[in-house]
C-alpha atoms as a PDB file:
ATOM      1  CA  MET A   1     -15.635   3.061  28.192  1.00  0.00           C
ATOM      2  CA  GLU A   2     -18.507   5.518  28.489  1.00  0.00           C
ATOM      3  CA  ALA A   3     -16.361   8.179  26.783  1.00  0.00           C
ATOM      4  CA  ILE A   4     -15.821   5.906  23.792  1.00  0.00           C
ATOM      5  CA  LEU A   5     -19.559   5.276  23.420  1.00  0.00           C
ATOM      6  CA  GLU A   6     -20.303   8.997  23.787  1.00  0.00           C
ATOM      7  CA  GLN A   7     -18.549   9.813  20.508  1.00  0.00           C
ATOM      8  CA  TYR A   8     -21.126   7.757  18.573  1.00  0.00           C
ATOM      9  CA  LYS A   9     -24.458   9.533  18.150  1.00  0.00           C
ATOM     10  CA  GLN A  10     -27.409   8.519  15.997  1.00  0.00           C
ATOM     11  CA  VAL A  11     -27.624  10.652  12.837  1.00  0.00           C
ATOM     12  CA  THR A  12     -30.697  11.071  10.661  1.00  0.00           C
ATOM     13  CA  GLU A  13     -30.558  12.320   7.102  1.00  0.00           C
ATOM     14  CA  ALA A  14     -32.089  15.634   8.248  1.00  0.00           C
ATOM     15  CA  GLN A  15     -29.146  16.129  10.662  1.00  0.00           C
ATOM     16  CA  VAL A  16     -26.398  15.550   8.065  1.00  0.00           C
ATOM     17  CA  LYS A  17     -23.958  18.452   7.726  1.00  0.00           C
ATOM     18  CA  VAL A  18     -21.112  16.488   6.115  1.00  0.00           C
ATOM     19  CA  TRP A  19     -21.283  13.748   3.496  1.00  0.00           C
ATOM     20  CA  PHE A  20     -17.992  11.887   3.878  1.00  0.00           C
ATOM     21  CA  LYS A  21     -16.731  10.224   0.694  1.00  0.00           C
ATOM     22  CA  ALA A  22     -15.796   6.798   2.046  1.00  0.00           C
ATOM     23  CA  ALA A  23     -14.665   4.846  -1.041  1.00  0.00           C
ATOM     24  CA  ALA A  24     -15.741   3.519  -4.406  1.00  0.00           C
ATOM     25  CA  VAL A  25     -18.686   1.132  -4.373  1.00  0.00           C
ATOM     26  CA  GLU A  26     -16.382  -1.679  -5.571  1.00  0.00           C
ATOM     27  CA  ALA A  27     -14.273  -1.357  -2.403  1.00  0.00           C
ATOM     28  CA  PHE A  28     -17.083  -2.835  -0.306  1.00  0.00           C
ATOM     29  CA  PRO A  29     -17.917  -6.545  -0.309  1.00  0.00           C
ATOM     30  CA  LYS A  30     -21.409  -7.515  -1.429  1.00  0.00           C
ATOM     31  CA  ASN A  31     -23.753  -8.656   1.343  1.00  0.00           C
ATOM     32  CA  ALA A  32     -21.135  -7.953   3.994  1.00  0.00           C
ATOM     33  CA  GLY A  33     -19.428  -5.092   5.803  1.00  0.00           C
ATOM     34  CA  ALA A  34     -16.209  -3.108   5.820  1.00  0.00           C
ATOM     35  CA  CYS A  35     -14.797  -0.541   8.227  1.00  0.00           C
ATOM     36  CA  ILE A  36     -14.016   3.083   7.403  1.00  0.00           C
ATOM     37  CA  LYS A  37     -12.586   5.802   9.608  1.00  0.00           C
ATOM     38  CA  TYR A  38     -14.082   9.279   9.943  1.00  0.00           C
ATOM     39  CA  ARG A  39     -12.159  11.537  12.311  1.00  0.00           C
ATOM     40  CA  ASP A  40     -11.838   9.463  15.503  1.00  0.00           C
ATOM     41  CA  LYS A  41     -14.738   7.145  14.682  1.00  0.00           C
ATOM     42  CA  GLN A  42     -14.677   3.662  13.219  1.00  0.00           C
ATOM     43  CA  ILE A  43     -17.783   3.149  11.084  1.00  0.00           C
ATOM     44  CA  ALA A  44     -19.061  -0.153   9.691  1.00  0.00           C
ATOM     45  CA  VAL A  45     -20.546   0.131   6.193  1.00  0.00           C
ATOM     46  CA  PHE A  46     -22.741  -2.652   4.824  1.00  0.00           C
ATOM     47  CA  ASN A  47     -23.645  -3.350   1.204  1.00  0.00           C
ATOM     48  CA  PHE A  48     -26.901  -5.329   1.200  1.00  0.00           C
ATOM     49  CA  ALA A  49     -26.616  -6.046  -2.529  1.00  0.00           C
ATOM     50  CA  ARG A  50     -29.449  -8.555  -2.461  1.00  0.00           C
ATOM     51  CA  LYS A  51     -31.799  -5.702  -1.458  1.00  0.00           C
ATOM     52  CA  ASN A  52     -29.852  -2.903  -3.169  1.00  0.00           C
ATOM     53  CA  LYS A  53     -29.525  -1.074   0.182  1.00  0.00           C
ATOM     54  CA  TRP A  54     -26.597   0.385   2.103  1.00  0.00           C
ATOM     55  CA  TYR A  55     -26.271   0.893   5.855  1.00  0.00           C
ATOM     56  CA  ALA A  56     -23.693   2.383   8.220  1.00  0.00           C
ATOM     57  CA  CYS A  57     -23.300   2.087  11.978  1.00  0.00           C
ATOM     58  CA  GLN A  58     -20.672   2.396  14.661  1.00  0.00           C
ATOM     59  CA  ASN A  59     -18.101  -0.386  14.469  1.00  0.00           C
ATOM     60  CA  LEU A  60     -17.990  -0.630  18.273  1.00  0.00           C
ATOM     61  CA  CYS A  61     -20.066  -3.411  19.827  1.00  0.00           C
ATOM     62  CA  PRO A  62     -21.341  -2.079  23.178  1.00  0.00           C
ATOM     63  CA  HIS A  63     -21.346  -5.543  24.763  1.00  0.00           C
ATOM     64  CA  LYS A  64     -17.593  -5.983  25.260  1.00  0.00           C
ATOM     65  CA  MET A  65     -16.451  -2.685  23.692  1.00  0.00           C
ATOM     66  CA  GLU A  66     -14.775  -4.353  20.707  1.00  0.00           C
ATOM     67  CA  MET A  67     -14.432  -2.769  17.233  1.00  0.00           C
ATOM     68  CA  VAL A  68     -15.892  -5.720  15.328  1.00  0.00           C
ATOM     69  CA  LEU A  69     -19.333  -4.983  13.871  1.00  0.00           C
ATOM     70  CA  ALA A  70     -17.979  -4.489  10.327  1.00  0.00           C
ATOM     71  CA  ARG A  71     -17.019  -8.183  10.415  1.00  0.00           C
ATOM     72  CA  GLY A  72     -20.430  -9.184  11.755  1.00  0.00           C
ATOM     73  CA  LEU A  73     -22.918 -11.515  10.164  1.00  0.00           C
ATOM     74  CA  THR A  74     -25.642  -9.737   8.239  1.00  0.00           C
ATOM     75  CA  GLY A  75     -29.200 -10.828   7.716  1.00  0.00           C
ATOM     76  CA  ALA A  76     -32.749  -9.851   8.562  1.00  0.00           C
ATOM     77  CA  GLU A  77     -35.200 -10.352  11.370  1.00  0.00           C
ATOM     78  CA  GLY A  78     -38.487 -10.182   9.517  1.00  0.00           C
ATOM     79  CA  ASP A  79     -38.064  -7.037   7.414  1.00  0.00           C
ATOM     80  CA  ILE A  80     -35.425  -5.521   9.718  1.00  0.00           C
ATOM     81  CA  PRO A  81     -31.871  -5.624   8.306  1.00  0.00           C
ATOM     82  CA  LYS A  82     -29.466  -6.555  11.078  1.00  0.00           C
ATOM     83  CA  VAL A  83     -25.872  -7.238  11.979  1.00  0.00           C
ATOM     84  CA  ALA A  84     -24.730  -9.764  14.587  1.00  0.00           C
ATOM     85  CA  CYS A  85     -21.530  -9.168  16.534  1.00  0.00           C
ATOM     86  CA  PRO A  86     -19.060 -11.831  15.344  1.00  0.00           C
ATOM     87  CA  LEU A  87     -17.801 -12.366  18.900  1.00  0.00           C
ATOM     88  CA  HIS A  88     -20.947 -12.388  21.016  1.00  0.00           C
ATOM     89  CA  LYS A  89     -23.822 -12.819  18.522  1.00  0.00           C
ATOM     90  CA  ARG A  90     -25.740  -9.785  19.852  1.00  0.00           C
ATOM     91  CA  THR A  91     -27.852  -8.414  16.984  1.00  0.00           C
ATOM     92  CA  PHE A  92     -28.638  -4.808  16.086  1.00  0.00           C
ATOM     93  CA  SER A  93     -31.024  -3.203  13.604  1.00  0.00           C
ATOM     94  CA  LEU A  94     -29.096  -1.443  10.853  1.00  0.00           C
ATOM     95  CA  GLU A  95     -32.007   0.978  10.392  1.00  0.00           C
ATOM     96  CA  THR A  96     -32.519   2.155  13.991  1.00  0.00           C
ATOM     97  CA  GLY A  97     -29.555   0.710  15.908  1.00  0.00           C
ATOM     98  CA  GLU A  98     -31.898  -1.064  18.336  1.00  0.00           C
ATOM     99  CA  ASN A  99     -30.499  -4.125  20.099  1.00  0.00           C
ATOM    100  CA  LEU A 100     -32.764  -6.956  18.916  1.00  0.00           C
ATOM    101  CA  ASN A 101     -31.996  -9.737  21.394  1.00  0.00           C
ATOM    102  CA  ALA A 102     -30.645  -8.373  24.678  1.00  0.00           C
ATOM    103  CA  ASP A 103     -30.640  -5.413  27.010  1.00  0.00           C
ATOM    104  CA  LEU A 104     -27.726  -3.548  25.437  1.00  0.00           C
ATOM    105  CA  PRO A 105     -27.924   0.097  24.436  1.00  0.00           C
ATOM    106  CA  PRO A 106     -28.609   0.809  20.771  1.00  0.00           C
ATOM    107  CA  ILE A 107     -25.773   1.470  18.354  1.00  0.00           C
ATOM    108  CA  ALA A 108     -25.496   4.662  16.309  1.00  0.00           C
ATOM    109  CA  THR A 109     -26.544   4.461  12.676  1.00  0.00           C
ATOM    110  CA  TYR A 110     -25.688   6.866   9.870  1.00  0.00           C
ATOM    111  CA  PRO A 111     -27.281   7.710   6.511  1.00  0.00           C
ATOM    112  CA  VAL A 112     -25.588   6.385   3.378  1.00  0.00           C
ATOM    113  CA  LYS A 113     -25.885   7.577  -0.193  1.00  0.00           C
ATOM    114  CA  ILE A 114     -24.352   6.356  -3.429  1.00  0.00           C
ATOM    115  CA  GLN A 115     -23.338   9.021  -5.923  1.00  0.00           C
ATOM    116  CA  ASP A 116     -21.223   8.712  -9.082  1.00  0.00           C
ATOM    117  CA  GLY A 117     -19.968   5.271  -8.043  1.00  0.00           C
ATOM    118  CA  PHE A 118     -18.883   6.333  -4.544  1.00  0.00           C
ATOM    119  CA  VAL A 119     -20.244   5.583  -1.079  1.00  0.00           C
ATOM    120  CA  TYR A 120     -20.919   8.585   1.165  1.00  0.00           C
ATOM    121  CA  VAL A 121     -21.727   8.411   4.876  1.00  0.00           C
ATOM    122  CA  GLY A 122     -23.550  11.293   6.565  1.00  0.00           C
ATOM    123  CA  PHE A 123     -22.366  12.899   9.794  1.00  0.00           C
ATOM    124  CA  ALA A 124     -23.792  15.713  11.921  1.00  0.00           C
ATOM    125  CA  GLU A 125     -20.398  17.309  12.619  1.00  0.00           C
END
């Protein structure tokens, strides 16, 4: 299990070496998530249409090691956009990856940009 978590590393915009063209904006549901695959990683991409913001994080929930975060419930805790695991209700910040309600490790988050009607997710490798 540790090896699976090791493949997901937090990426800041300054660390981006590759902008992966995920899909057209229309391919993603509004105010919800969808899963994409980049190399051997499953990445959850969220379209927060109500705030005109996009977020990406690992799809793997570190609680029970299930690939489910793309199907998670989205919302906010104060001003912090978050996703809740659909199986275990653990919540994570979509900005920092911090676990907001338990003692789980943070999840990896990735920069997102929209260009010419397409969603791009940034990776460091």
